[in-house]
Amino acid sequence: MTNRQVWSLALGLLGVTPAGVASQENFGSSAAVLGNQVAVGQPANFYGPGAVYLFGVDDDGSWQEVGRLFSPDSAMADGFGRSISGTPERVLVGAPRDGGAGTAYLFQAPASPAGDWTLLARL
């Protein structure tokens, strides 16, 4: 006997691609749930260093961009945002081609919702 569970879509991010993101920049190729926010990667293969976009749900249930993470030192094609993992307080972002060997960037959430995420470490 098997135990089958049925999954249902709770919320979707359709139509929330940030302005200025082109289809070749791989927006959505990685994602992570960070409590009540979602982090979405855009590693920008060969078009730029990449970014991670943070989204939250507002009171009417629609998704809004609430922040962005960038590497302070990534170069074009490093793949920043190719992988993402984290918690509501911290997020780890991978840049697999940075410096030839790859780098992981650890960010700390802001103390207030209006603040910026802080880079804690480059691993």
C-alpha atoms as a PDB file:
ATOM      1  CA  MET A   1       0.000   0.000   0.000  1.00  0.00           C
ATOM      2  CA  THR A   2       1.317   3.443  -0.891  1.00  0.00           C
ATOM      3  CA  ASN A   3       0.699   6.721   0.840  1.00  0.00           C
ATOM      4  CA  ARG A   4      -0.011   9.323  -1.848  1.00  0.00           C
ATOM      5  CA  GLN A   5      -0.197  12.989  -1.075  1.00  0.00           C
ATOM      6  CA  VAL A   6      -1.781  15.579  -3.296  1.00  0.00           C
ATOM      7  CA  TRP A   7       0.047  18.870  -3.672  1.00  0.00           C
ATOM      8  CA  SER A   8      -1.697  22.063  -4.687  1.00  0.00           C
ATOM      9  CA  LEU A   9      -0.356  25.417  -5.817  1.00  0.00           C
ATOM     10  CA  ALA A  10      -0.585  27.924  -2.973  1.00  0.00           C
ATOM     11  CA  LEU A  11       0.792  31.016  -4.728  1.00  0.00           C
ATOM     12  CA  GLY A  12       2.448  31.611  -8.076  1.00  0.00           C
ATOM     13  CA  LEU A  13       5.035  34.144  -9.204  1.00  0.00           C
ATOM     14  CA  LEU A  14       3.664  34.470 -12.731  1.00  0.00           C
ATOM     15  CA  GLY A  15       4.126  37.897 -14.227  1.00  0.00           C
ATOM     16  CA  VAL A  16       6.523  39.281 -11.627  1.00  0.00           C
ATOM     17  CA  THR A  17       9.736  39.293 -13.659  1.00  0.00           C
ATOM     18  CA  PRO A  18      11.585  42.449 -12.603  1.00  0.00           C
ATOM     19  CA  ALA A  19      11.929  45.281 -15.105  1.00  0.00           C
ATOM     20  CA  GLY A  20      15.080  45.089 -17.182  1.00  0.00           C
ATOM     21  CA  VAL A  21      15.530  41.296 -16.955  1.00  0.00           C
ATOM     22  CA  ALA A  22      15.881  39.725 -20.412  1.00  0.00           C
ATOM     23  CA  SER A  23      14.830  36.170 -21.239  1.00  0.00           C
ATOM     24  CA  GLN A  24      18.453  35.106 -21.833  1.00  0.00           C
ATOM     25  CA  GLU A  25      19.420  36.024 -18.266  1.00  0.00           C
ATOM     26  CA  ASN A  26      17.887  32.857 -16.746  1.00  0.00           C
ATOM     27  CA  PHE A  27      15.599  34.551 -14.230  1.00  0.00           C
ATOM     28  CA  GLY A  28      14.016  31.766 -12.175  1.00  0.00           C
ATOM     29  CA  SER A  29      16.715  29.147 -12.750  1.00  0.00           C
ATOM     30  CA  SER A  30      17.104  28.888  -8.964  1.00  0.00           C
ATOM     31  CA  ALA A  31      14.793  29.698  -6.074  1.00  0.00           C
ATOM     32  CA  ALA A  32      14.513  29.282  -2.310  1.00  0.00           C
ATOM     33  CA  VAL A  33      11.800  29.903   0.258  1.00  0.00           C
ATOM     34  CA  LEU A  34      13.016  32.185   3.064  1.00  0.00           C
ATOM     35  CA  GLY A  35      10.142  32.171   5.534  1.00  0.00           C
ATOM     36  CA  ASN A  36       7.525  34.551   4.117  1.00  0.00           C
ATOM     37  CA  GLN A  37       9.775  35.610   1.233  1.00  0.00           C
ATOM     38  CA  VAL A  38      11.008  33.889  -1.910  1.00  0.00           C
ATOM     39  CA  ALA A  39      14.483  34.402  -3.379  1.00  0.00           C
ATOM     40  CA  VAL A  40      14.754  33.971  -7.163  1.00  0.00           C
ATOM     41  CA  GLY A  41      18.095  33.726  -8.962  1.00  0.00           C
ATOM     42  CA  GLN A  42      19.072  35.341 -12.234  1.00  0.00           C
ATOM     43  CA  PRO A  43      22.614  34.109 -12.975  1.00  0.00           C
ATOM     44  CA  ALA A  44      22.774  36.051 -16.280  1.00  0.00           C
ATOM     45  CA  ASN A  45      24.951  33.659 -18.264  1.00  0.00           C
ATOM     46  CA  PHE A  46      27.382  35.769 -20.319  1.00  0.00           C
ATOM     47  CA  TYR A  47      25.281  38.943 -19.964  1.00  0.00           C
ATOM     48  CA  GLY A  48      26.322  40.130 -16.508  1.00  0.00           C
ATOM     49  CA  PRO A  49      27.371  38.992 -13.034  1.00  0.00           C
ATOM     50  CA  GLY A  50      23.859  37.943 -11.947  1.00  0.00           C
ATOM     51  CA  ALA A  51      21.516  38.835  -9.113  1.00  0.00           C
ATOM     52  CA  VAL A  52      19.025  37.412  -6.620  1.00  0.00           C
ATOM     53  CA  TYR A  53      15.591  39.016  -6.353  1.00  0.00           C
ATOM     54  CA  LEU A  54      13.583  38.854  -3.122  1.00  0.00           C
ATOM     55  CA  PHE A  55       9.775  38.773  -3.237  1.00  0.00           C
ATOM     56  CA  GLY A  56       7.142  39.011  -0.526  1.00  0.00           C
ATOM     57  CA  VAL A  57       3.349  38.766  -0.564  1.00  0.00           C
ATOM     58  CA  ASP A  58       1.478  41.952   0.285  1.00  0.00           C
ATOM     59  CA  ASP A  59      -1.877  42.207   2.080  1.00  0.00           C
ATOM     60  CA  ASP A  60      -3.955  41.582  -1.057  1.00  0.00           C
ATOM     61  CA  GLY A  61      -2.013  38.397  -1.872  1.00  0.00           C
ATOM     62  CA  SER A  62       0.059  39.721  -4.769  1.00  0.00           C
ATOM     63  CA  TRP A  63       3.823  39.293  -5.022  1.00  0.00           C
ATOM     64  CA  GLN A  64       6.038  42.375  -4.804  1.00  0.00           C
ATOM     65  CA  GLU A  65       9.783  42.728  -5.181  1.00  0.00           C
ATOM     66  CA  VAL A  66      11.163  43.630  -1.740  1.00  0.00           C
ATOM     67  CA  GLY A  67      14.911  43.509  -2.349  1.00  0.00           C
ATOM     68  CA  ARG A  68      17.852  42.466  -4.501  1.00  0.00           C
ATOM     69  CA  LEU A  69      21.177  40.842  -3.731  1.00  0.00           C
ATOM     70  CA  PHE A  70      24.283  41.486  -5.804  1.00  0.00           C
ATOM     71  CA  SER A  71      27.857  40.359  -5.474  1.00  0.00           C
ATOM     72  CA  PRO A  72      30.181  43.272  -4.747  1.00  0.00           C
ATOM     73  CA  ASP A  73      32.951  41.652  -6.773  1.00  0.00           C
ATOM     74  CA  SER A  74      31.487  39.245  -9.357  1.00  0.00           C
ATOM     75  CA  ALA A  75      32.329  39.707 -12.995  1.00  0.00           C
ATOM     76  CA  MET A  76      30.308  38.970 -16.096  1.00  0.00           C
ATOM     77  CA  ALA A  77      29.471  35.249 -16.466  1.00  0.00           C
ATOM     78  CA  ASP A  78      30.365  34.294 -12.855  1.00  0.00           C
ATOM     79  CA  GLY A  79      26.844  32.921 -12.425  1.00  0.00           C
ATOM     80  CA  PHE A  80      25.962  34.747  -9.199  1.00  0.00           C
ATOM     81  CA  GLY A  81      22.506  33.440  -8.277  1.00  0.00           C
ATOM     82  CA  ARG A  82      22.914  29.998  -9.872  1.00  0.00           C
ATOM     83  CA  SER A  83      22.158  28.421  -6.476  1.00  0.00           C
ATOM     84  CA  ILE A  84      20.338  29.774  -3.414  1.00  0.00           C
ATOM     85  CA  SER A  85      19.700  28.403   0.065  1.00  0.00           C
ATOM     86  CA  GLY A  86      18.727  30.091   3.273  1.00  0.00           C
ATOM     87  CA  THR A  87      16.490  31.024   6.147  1.00  0.00           C
ATOM     88  CA  PRO A  88      14.549  34.226   6.844  1.00  0.00           C
ATOM     89  CA  GLU A  89      17.688  35.604   8.545  1.00  0.00           C
ATOM     90  CA  ARG A  90      20.453  34.499   6.156  1.00  0.00           C
ATOM     91  CA  VAL A  91      20.844  33.455   2.548  1.00  0.00           C
ATOM     92  CA  LEU A  92      23.732  31.722   0.780  1.00  0.00           C
ATOM     93  CA  VAL A  93      24.148  32.503  -2.925  1.00  0.00           C
ATOM     94  CA  GLY A  94      26.394  30.521  -5.258  1.00  0.00           C
ATOM     95  CA  ALA A  95      28.499  31.899  -8.105  1.00  0.00           C
ATOM     96  CA  PRO A  96      29.963  28.681  -9.570  1.00  0.00           C
ATOM     97  CA  ARG A  97      32.283  30.310 -12.111  1.00  0.00           C
ATOM     98  CA  ASP A  98      33.679  33.107  -9.910  1.00  0.00           C
ATOM     99  CA  GLY A  99      37.470  33.052 -10.030  1.00  0.00           C
ATOM    100  CA  GLY A 100      37.486  29.727 -11.847  1.00  0.00           C
ATOM    101  CA  ALA A 101      36.730  27.727  -8.681  1.00  0.00           C
ATOM    102  CA  GLY A 102      33.431  29.319  -7.633  1.00  0.00           C
ATOM    103  CA  THR A 103      32.353  31.342  -4.620  1.00  0.00           C
ATOM    104  CA  ALA A 104      29.470  31.308  -2.147  1.00  0.00           C
ATOM    105  CA  TYR A 105      28.239  34.582  -0.650  1.00  0.00           C
ATOM    106  CA  LEU A 106      26.545  34.686   2.762  1.00  0.00           C
ATOM    107  CA  PHE A 107      24.102  37.572   3.359  1.00  0.00           C
ATOM    108  CA  GLN A 108      22.366  38.712   6.572  1.00  0.00           C
ATOM    109  CA  ALA A 109      18.780  40.034   6.523  1.00  0.00           C
ATOM    110  CA  PRO A 110      18.189  43.657   7.523  1.00  0.00           C
ATOM    111  CA  ALA A 111      17.052  44.503  11.049  1.00  0.00           C
ATOM    112  CA  SER A 112      14.042  46.360   9.612  1.00  0.00           C
ATOM    113  CA  PRO A 113      12.033  45.612   6.449  1.00  0.00           C
ATOM    114  CA  ALA A 114      13.228  48.842   4.829  1.00  0.00           C
ATOM    115  CA  GLY A 115      16.919  47.995   5.342  1.00  0.00           C
ATOM    116  CA  ASP A 116      19.416  46.342   3.026  1.00  0.00           C
ATOM    117  CA  TRP A 117      20.832  42.827   3.243  1.00  0.00           C
ATOM    118  CA  THR A 118      24.481  42.774   4.399  1.00  0.00           C
ATOM    119  CA  LEU A 119      27.257  40.627   2.947  1.00  0.00           C
ATOM    120  CA  LEU A 120      28.722  38.649   5.883  1.00  0.00           C
ATOM    121  CA  ALA A 121      31.199  36.388   4.135  1.00  0.00           C
ATOM    122  CA  ARG A 122      32.663  35.355   0.808  1.00  0.00           C
ATOM    123  CA  LEU A 123      33.399  31.626   0.945  1.00  0.00           C
END
